[in-house]
Amino acid sequence: MADEVLNGDPLLATEYPPKGEKEAIDKIIGLLKERLEKDYPPPKRTRRDAHPKQHGLVKAEFTVSDNIAPELKVGLFAKPETYKSWIRLSNLNGGGSPDISKDSRGLAIKLMGVPGTKLLEDELNATTQDFVFMSTDHFVTKDVAGFARLLKAVNGGKLKAILYFATHLKLFKLFTGINIQVSNLFQIPWGSTTPYLYGDRAVKYALIPKQKPTATIPTGDDISDNYLRERMVENLSKGDVYFDFCIQLQVDAKTMPIEDPRVIWDKNKSPFIKVATVKIMKQVFDTPAQQLYGDQLSFTPWHSLPEHRPLGGINRGRKAIYSTMSKFRHKRNNEVSKEPTTWKNFD
């Protein structure tokens, strides 16, 4: 973490791109394309390289709090407002793995109707703002170079992956730590794992469920492979679901680094602060048309206002990787990806 300090003084919200980062990003893109071409030969529909198993795409409302401290009224959070949103929930791994398998889960939010010029050069006038979360509060590699090496090992097959983990025990511990069993996607906390700009400060995001964790991991021989989606269906048939959207301010660049998302920021040193409420309304979402639409949407943290620019090497890698792989996937499927402007009905 020494690279987070200049002349002995911590610099908050400061990035330190390492040498060879672009080459590592290009390598990752090549490996991902290679894997998709192998896993989805025509006429198979090409799915996402990560988080291909979609539990559901649901309508939600994102409401900025009206009691935010003046110094935190920045960008999207400058004034109280409610935004129509889509939320996609997923499993990281593909291959039709049952939900009982240990895995990393994903939650991505897409706000619509957000004014202002955005960051992506080919979508400057888009009116969306995305936030992406994982079912953990840390990432598995420090940078894209480390992720490229991990991906190469995993692409090489089970034996190569085992040998790689055997010689990278810290990585193995982090990797196993993010692969968990989940009882209910609406009853667990979600973390951004990577930092983001918040005006001139750096933050990490969290989604904290308002629902009490009453669900348990299913047991027995007749567990449904899709019980996470089935529990979502049951929950949203009965009523609304709520989350607190929170930020955690970086207050120490040495112990809360920008360039190493493996490090969990100390909640005692900087507690999470609520800045918005996410409401997933009571609804029916589990239809083939809505599932397909969710599969066609693209989510990236770079669908963003400049005030909330993604920070750190993993996020810098995401900019090119997410954009390139989305276009690659849509081209193979003969589809066009277009940012939504409001909710779409599937009646």
Protein backbone atom coordinates (compact mmCIF):
# COMPACT_ATOMS: atom_id res chain seq x y z
CA MET A 1 0.00 0.00 0.00
CA ALA A 2 3.03 2.26 -0.04
CA ASP A 3 2.01 3.51 -3.47
CA GLU A 4 -0.98 5.17 -1.81
CA VAL A 5 1.35 7.61 -0.02
CA LEU A 6 3.36 10.44 -1.56
CA ASN A 7 6.09 12.16 0.51
CA GLY A 8 4.68 10.48 3.62
CA ASP A 9 1.22 12.06 3.28
CA PRO A 10 -1.87 10.00 2.37
CA LEU A 11 -3.69 11.29 -0.68
CA LEU A 12 -7.41 10.64 -0.64
CA ALA A 13 -9.27 9.65 -3.84
CA THR A 14 -5.95 9.37 -5.72
CA GLU A 15 -5.28 6.66 -8.32
CA TYR A 16 -1.93 5.05 -9.12
CA PRO A 17 -2.18 3.08 -12.38
CA PRO A 18 0.60 0.47 -12.62
CA LYS A 19 2.70 -0.23 -15.68
CA GLY A 20 1.33 -2.86 -18.03
CA GLU A 21 -2.29 -2.27 -17.08
CA LYS A 22 -3.54 -1.82 -20.66
CA GLU A 23 -1.77 -4.98 -21.79
CA ALA A 24 -3.41 -6.92 -18.95
CA ILE A 25 -6.84 -5.54 -19.89
CA ASP A 26 -6.32 -6.57 -23.53
CA LYS A 27 -5.30 -10.03 -22.36
CA ILE A 28 -8.44 -10.40 -20.28
CA ILE A 29 -10.63 -9.38 -23.22
CA GLY A 30 -8.92 -11.96 -25.42
CA LEU A 31 -9.37 -14.71 -22.82
CA LEU A 32 -13.04 -13.85 -22.30
CA LYS A 33 -13.78 -13.88 -26.03
CA GLU A 34 -12.02 -17.21 -26.33
CA ARG A 35 -14.13 -18.67 -23.53
CA LEU A 36 -17.43 -17.40 -24.92
CA GLU A 37 -16.63 -18.75 -28.38
CA LYS A 38 -15.90 -22.12 -26.80
CA ASP A 39 -18.92 -22.19 -24.47
CA TYR A 40 -21.47 -20.83 -26.97
CA PRO A 41 -20.83 -22.16 -30.48
CA PRO A 42 -23.50 -21.13 -33.00
CA PRO A 43 -26.45 -21.37 -32.96
CA LYS A 44 -26.29 -21.20 -29.16
CA ARG A 45 -27.26 -17.87 -27.65
CA THR A 46 -24.15 -16.16 -26.26
CA ARG A 47 -24.58 -15.24 -22.62
CA ARG A 48 -22.55 -12.97 -20.37
CA ASP A 49 -18.99 -13.99 -19.56
CA ALA A 50 -19.76 -13.28 -15.89
CA HIS A 51 -23.09 -13.48 -14.06
CA PRO A 52 -24.89 -15.35 -16.86
CA LYS A 53 -27.46 -17.00 -14.59
CA GLN A 54 -30.13 -14.39 -14.05
CA HIS A 55 -32.50 -14.86 -11.13
CA GLY A 56 -34.62 -11.96 -12.23
CA LEU A 57 -34.89 -8.45 -13.58
CA VAL A 58 -37.18 -6.38 -11.37
CA LYS A 59 -38.62 -2.89 -11.36
CA ALA A 60 -37.52 -0.66 -8.49
CA GLU A 61 -37.50 2.92 -7.27
CA PHE A 62 -34.32 4.66 -6.12
CA THR A 63 -35.13 7.59 -3.82
CA VAL A 64 -32.41 10.02 -2.78
CA SER A 65 -32.76 10.91 0.90
CA ASP A 66 -33.91 14.40 1.85
CA ASN A 67 -31.76 14.60 4.99
CA ILE A 68 -28.27 14.13 3.52
CA ALA A 69 -25.57 16.24 5.17
CA PRO A 70 -24.78 19.35 3.05
CA GLU A 71 -21.22 18.21 2.30
CA LEU A 72 -22.60 14.93 0.88
CA LYS A 73 -25.11 16.52 -1.51
CA VAL A 74 -23.08 15.64 -4.59
CA GLY A 75 -24.00 14.66 -8.14
CA LEU A 76 -26.91 12.26 -8.17
CA PHE A 77 -27.41 12.90 -4.45
CA ALA A 78 -27.54 16.70 -4.66
CA LYS A 79 -31.30 16.83 -4.11
CA PRO A 80 -34.17 14.49 -3.20
CA GLU A 81 -35.43 12.67 -6.25
CA THR A 82 -36.98 9.32 -7.13
CA TYR A 83 -35.70 7.44 -10.19
CA LYS A 84 -37.34 4.53 -11.96
CA SER A 85 -34.83 1.67 -11.99
CA TRP A 86 -34.13 -1.85 -13.14
CA ILE A 87 -32.35 -4.29 -10.83
CA ARG A 88 -30.78 -7.50 -12.13
CA LEU A 89 -29.81 -10.31 -9.71
CA SER A 90 -27.54 -13.15 -10.79
CA ASN A 91 -25.02 -15.89 -10.05
CA LEU A 92 -21.42 -15.34 -11.15
CA ASN A 93 -20.87 -18.81 -12.60
CA GLY A 94 -22.56 -20.23 -15.65
CA GLY A 95 -23.09 -23.79 -16.77
CA GLY A 96 -26.54 -24.07 -15.21
CA SER A 97 -25.13 -24.53 -11.70
CA PRO A 98 -27.83 -25.05 -9.03
CA ASP A 99 -28.36 -22.17 -6.62
CA ILE A 100 -27.29 -24.31 -3.64
CA SER A 101 -23.73 -24.33 -5.03
CA LYS A 102 -21.29 -21.95 -3.41
CA ASP A 103 -20.95 -18.97 -5.71
CA SER A 104 -20.59 -15.20 -5.83
CA ARG A 105 -23.88 -13.40 -6.43
CA GLY A 106 -24.40 -10.11 -8.24
CA LEU A 107 -26.86 -7.22 -8.02
CA ALA A 108 -26.82 -4.41 -10.57
CA ILE A 109 -28.97 -1.28 -10.45
CA LYS A 110 -29.77 0.87 -13.47
CA LEU A 111 -31.36 4.24 -12.72
CA MET A 112 -33.21 5.96 -15.55
CA GLY A 113 -33.98 9.60 -16.20
CA VAL A 114 -30.70 10.83 -14.72
CA PRO A 115 -29.75 14.15 -16.38
CA GLY A 116 -26.18 15.22 -17.15
CA THR A 117 -23.35 14.20 -19.46
CA LYS A 118 -22.07 10.70 -18.71
CA LEU A 119 -18.58 9.18 -18.82
CA LEU A 120 -18.70 6.71 -21.73
CA GLU A 121 -17.65 8.42 -24.94
CA ASP A 122 -20.25 6.66 -27.10
CA GLU A 123 -23.09 7.16 -24.58
CA LEU A 124 -22.49 10.72 -23.38
CA ASN A 125 -26.18 11.58 -23.61
CA ALA A 126 -27.51 8.42 -21.99
CA THR A 127 -29.83 9.07 -19.05
CA THR A 128 -28.78 6.03 -17.01
CA GLN A 129 -26.62 5.66 -13.89
CA ASP A 130 -25.51 2.15 -12.92
CA PHE A 131 -24.29 0.72 -9.62
CA VAL A 132 -22.89 -2.82 -9.42
CA PHE A 133 -22.65 -4.95 -6.28
CA MET A 134 -21.39 -8.34 -5.17
CA SER A 135 -22.48 -10.53 -2.27
CA THR A 136 -19.20 -9.68 -0.54
CA ASP A 137 -17.21 -6.64 0.57
CA HIS A 138 -13.91 -7.49 -1.12
CA PHE A 139 -12.57 -8.46 -4.53
CA VAL A 140 -10.24 -11.42 -5.18
CA THR A 141 -7.27 -9.77 -6.94
CA LYS A 142 -5.44 -6.52 -6.39
CA ASP A 143 -5.38 -5.48 -10.03
CA VAL A 144 -6.19 -6.50 -13.59
CA ALA A 145 -2.81 -8.18 -14.04
CA GLY A 146 -3.63 -10.53 -11.18
CA PHE A 147 -7.09 -11.12 -12.58
CA ALA A 148 -5.64 -11.92 -16.01
CA ARG A 149 -3.39 -14.58 -14.48
CA LEU A 150 -6.33 -16.06 -12.55
CA LEU A 151 -8.55 -16.10 -15.63
CA LYS A 152 -5.87 -17.80 -17.70
CA ALA A 153 -5.57 -20.54 -15.07
CA VAL A 154 -9.34 -21.04 -14.84
CA ASN A 155 -9.67 -21.14 -18.64
CA GLY A 156 -7.01 -23.82 -18.71
CA GLY A 157 -9.25 -26.35 -17.01
CA LYS A 158 -9.77 -27.78 -13.54
CA LEU A 159 -6.24 -29.17 -13.11
CA LYS A 160 -4.51 -25.91 -14.05
CA ALA A 161 -6.85 -23.99 -11.76
CA ILE A 162 -6.05 -26.31 -8.83
CA LEU A 163 -2.31 -26.00 -9.44
CA TYR A 164 -2.60 -22.22 -9.65
CA PHE A 165 -4.52 -21.95 -6.40
CA ALA A 166 -2.05 -24.32 -4.73
CA THR A 167 0.73 -21.82 -5.42
CA HIS A 168 -1.37 -18.75 -4.60
CA LEU A 169 -2.85 -19.54 -1.21
CA LYS A 170 -3.86 -15.96 -0.34
CA LEU A 171 -5.81 -15.76 -3.58
CA PHE A 172 -7.39 -19.15 -2.86
CA LYS A 173 -8.54 -17.92 0.55
CA LEU A 174 -10.06 -14.77 -0.96
CA PHE A 175 -11.66 -16.77 -3.78
CA THR A 176 -13.27 -19.29 -1.44
CA GLY A 177 -14.37 -16.43 0.80
CA ILE A 178 -16.55 -14.85 -1.87
CA ASN A 179 -18.14 -18.15 -2.89
CA ILE A 180 -20.97 -18.68 -0.45
CA GLN A 181 -24.38 -20.24 -0.11
CA VAL A 182 -27.26 -17.76 0.07
CA SER A 183 -30.73 -18.30 1.50
CA ASN A 184 -32.49 -15.20 0.12
CA LEU A 185 -31.12 -12.45 -2.13
CA PHE A 186 -33.33 -9.85 -0.43
CA GLN A 187 -31.95 -10.60 3.03
CA ILE A 188 -28.19 -10.24 2.56
CA PRO A 189 -25.97 -7.12 2.42
CA TRP A 190 -24.30 -6.20 -0.87
CA GLY A 191 -20.96 -4.44 -1.37
CA SER A 192 -19.44 -2.52 -4.27
CA THR A 193 -16.00 -4.01 -3.34
CA THR A 194 -14.34 -1.31 -5.48
CA PRO A 195 -14.23 2.45 -4.76
CA TYR A 196 -15.89 5.33 -6.57
CA LEU A 197 -15.56 9.07 -6.70
CA TYR A 198 -18.11 11.03 -4.69
CA GLY A 199 -17.46 14.62 -5.67
CA ASP A 200 -13.81 14.96 -4.63
CA ARG A 201 -13.88 12.08 -2.13
CA ALA A 202 -13.62 8.32 -2.57
CA VAL A 203 -16.35 5.99 -1.31
CA LYS A 204 -17.46 2.42 -1.37
CA TYR A 205 -21.15 1.61 -1.70
CA ALA A 206 -23.30 -0.87 0.20
CA LEU A 207 -26.89 -2.07 0.03
CA ILE A 208 -28.25 -2.98 3.45
CA PRO A 209 -31.51 -4.95 3.54
CA LYS A 210 -34.37 -3.61 5.64
CA GLN A 211 -35.88 -7.12 5.84
CA LYS A 212 -34.89 -9.32 8.77
CA PRO A 213 -32.86 -12.39 7.69
CA THR A 214 -35.49 -15.03 8.36
CA ALA A 215 -34.74 -17.37 5.44
CA THR A 216 -32.54 -20.44 5.86
CA ILE A 217 -30.43 -22.45 3.43
CA PRO A 218 -32.62 -25.22 1.99
CA THR A 219 -31.77 -28.81 2.81
CA GLY A 220 -32.82 -32.23 1.58
CA ASP A 221 -32.72 -34.14 -1.66
CA ASP A 222 -35.34 -32.17 -3.57
CA ILE A 223 -33.84 -28.66 -3.50
CA SER A 224 -34.84 -26.68 -6.54
CA ASP A 225 -31.94 -25.61 -8.76
CA ASN A 226 -33.59 -22.18 -8.96
CA TYR A 227 -34.76 -21.64 -5.39
CA LEU A 228 -33.27 -18.12 -5.23
CA ARG A 229 -35.53 -16.96 -8.07
CA GLU A 230 -38.47 -18.85 -6.60
CA ARG A 231 -38.00 -17.07 -3.27
CA MET A 232 -37.84 -13.73 -5.08
CA VAL A 233 -41.14 -14.58 -6.77
CA GLU A 234 -42.70 -15.47 -3.42
CA ASN A 235 -41.41 -12.33 -1.66
CA LEU A 236 -42.59 -9.95 -4.39
CA SER A 237 -46.00 -11.62 -4.59
CA LYS A 238 -46.59 -10.59 -0.98
CA GLY A 239 -45.22 -7.05 -0.82
CA ASP A 240 -42.42 -4.53 -1.38
CA VAL A 241 -38.76 -5.10 -0.53
CA TYR A 242 -36.46 -2.34 0.76
CA PHE A 243 -32.73 -1.66 0.97
CA ASP A 244 -30.74 1.26 2.39
CA PHE A 245 -28.22 2.57 -0.17
CA CYS A 246 -25.14 3.67 1.78
CA ILE A 247 -21.72 5.19 1.22
CA GLN A 248 -18.50 4.68 3.17
CA LEU A 249 -16.08 7.59 2.94
CA GLN A 250 -12.36 6.99 2.51
CA VAL A 251 -10.68 8.70 5.47
CA ASP A 252 -7.22 7.09 5.32
CA ALA A 253 -5.53 6.30 2.00
CA LYS A 254 -3.08 3.89 3.61
CA THR A 255 -5.57 1.58 5.31
CA MET A 256 -8.41 2.26 2.85
CA PRO A 257 -6.59 2.01 -0.50
CA ILE A 258 -7.97 2.84 -3.91
CA GLU A 259 -5.81 0.38 -5.83
CA ASP A 260 -6.38 -2.78 -3.77
CA PRO A 261 -10.02 -3.89 -3.53
CA ARG A 262 -8.95 -6.98 -1.58
CA VAL A 263 -8.75 -4.68 1.45
CA ILE A 264 -11.97 -4.25 3.41
CA TRP A 265 -12.39 -0.68 4.62
CA ASP A 266 -12.78 -0.46 8.39
CA LYS A 267 -16.41 0.26 9.29
CA ASN A 268 -15.38 1.49 12.74
CA LYS A 269 -13.06 4.06 11.21
CA SER A 270 -15.66 5.12 8.64
CA PRO A 271 -19.24 3.89 9.20
CA PHE A 272 -21.67 3.56 6.32
CA ILE A 273 -23.96 6.54 5.77
CA LYS A 274 -27.41 6.17 4.22
CA VAL A 275 -28.00 8.44 1.19
CA ALA A 276 -30.91 6.73 -0.58
CA THR A 277 -33.62 4.07 -0.34
CA VAL A 278 -34.15 1.29 -2.87
CA LYS A 279 -37.70 -0.01 -3.11
CA ILE A 280 -38.44 -3.14 -5.12
CA MET A 281 -42.17 -3.04 -5.58
CA LYS A 282 -44.59 -5.93 -5.31
CA GLN A 283 -44.71 -7.35 -8.84
CA VAL A 284 -44.71 -10.27 -11.23
CA PHE A 285 -41.36 -10.46 -13.04
CA ASP A 286 -40.75 -14.13 -13.80
CA THR A 287 -41.86 -14.17 -17.43
CA PRO A 288 -39.85 -15.32 -20.46
CA ALA A 289 -40.07 -11.86 -22.10
CA GLN A 290 -38.81 -10.02 -19.02
CA GLN A 291 -36.07 -12.57 -18.42
CA LEU A 292 -34.88 -12.13 -22.01
CA TYR A 293 -34.94 -8.34 -21.67
CA GLY A 294 -32.78 -8.57 -18.55
CA ASP A 295 -30.34 -10.78 -20.40
CA GLN A 296 -30.11 -8.20 -23.19
CA LEU A 297 -29.45 -5.19 -20.94
CA SER A 298 -25.87 -4.09 -20.28
CA PHE A 299 -24.70 -2.94 -16.87
CA THR A 300 -21.41 -1.17 -16.17
CA PRO A 301 -20.28 1.22 -13.41
CA TRP A 302 -19.11 3.50 -16.24
CA HIS A 303 -22.74 4.32 -17.02
CA SER A 304 -22.13 7.20 -14.65
CA LEU A 305 -21.99 10.88 -13.96
CA PRO A 306 -18.42 12.23 -13.65
CA GLU A 307 -19.06 12.98 -9.97
CA HIS A 308 -19.34 9.24 -9.35
CA ARG A 309 -16.53 8.01 -11.62
CA PRO A 310 -15.26 4.48 -10.87
CA LEU A 311 -11.81 4.42 -9.21
CA GLY A 312 -8.94 1.93 -9.09
CA GLY A 313 -7.42 -0.60 -11.45
CA ILE A 314 -10.24 -3.14 -11.42
CA ASN A 315 -12.70 -0.40 -12.33
CA ARG A 316 -10.40 1.03 -15.00
CA GLY A 317 -10.30 -2.46 -16.47
CA ARG A 318 -14.06 -2.75 -16.33
CA LYS A 319 -14.44 0.25 -18.62
CA ALA A 320 -12.93 -1.46 -21.65
CA ILE A 321 -13.82 -5.04 -20.68
CA TYR A 322 -17.52 -4.48 -20.01
CA SER A 323 -18.01 -2.32 -23.10
CA THR A 324 -16.11 -4.62 -25.44
CA MET A 325 -17.67 -7.83 -24.15
CA SER A 326 -21.19 -6.38 -24.25
CA LYS A 327 -20.74 -5.42 -27.91
CA PHE A 328 -19.16 -8.81 -28.65
CA ARG A 329 -22.09 -10.67 -27.02
CA HIS A 330 -24.77 -8.59 -28.71
CA LYS A 331 -23.12 -8.91 -32.12
CA ARG A 332 -23.00 -12.69 -31.84
CA ASN A 333 -26.70 -12.67 -30.90
CA ASN A 334 -27.63 -10.24 -33.70
CA GLU A 335 -29.02 -7.85 -31.10
CA VAL A 336 -28.62 -4.15 -30.42
CA SER A 337 -28.00 -2.92 -26.89
CA LYS A 338 -29.78 0.32 -26.08
CA GLU A 339 -29.97 2.09 -22.74
CA PRO A 340 -33.56 2.21 -21.46
CA THR A 341 -35.31 5.46 -20.61
CA THR A 342 -38.21 4.06 -18.57
CA TRP A 343 -39.81 0.81 -17.51
CA LYS A 344 -40.90 -1.55 -20.23
CA ASN A 345 -44.12 -3.51 -19.84
CA PHE A 346 -44.28 -7.18 -20.79
CA ASP A 347 -48.02 -7.78 -20.57
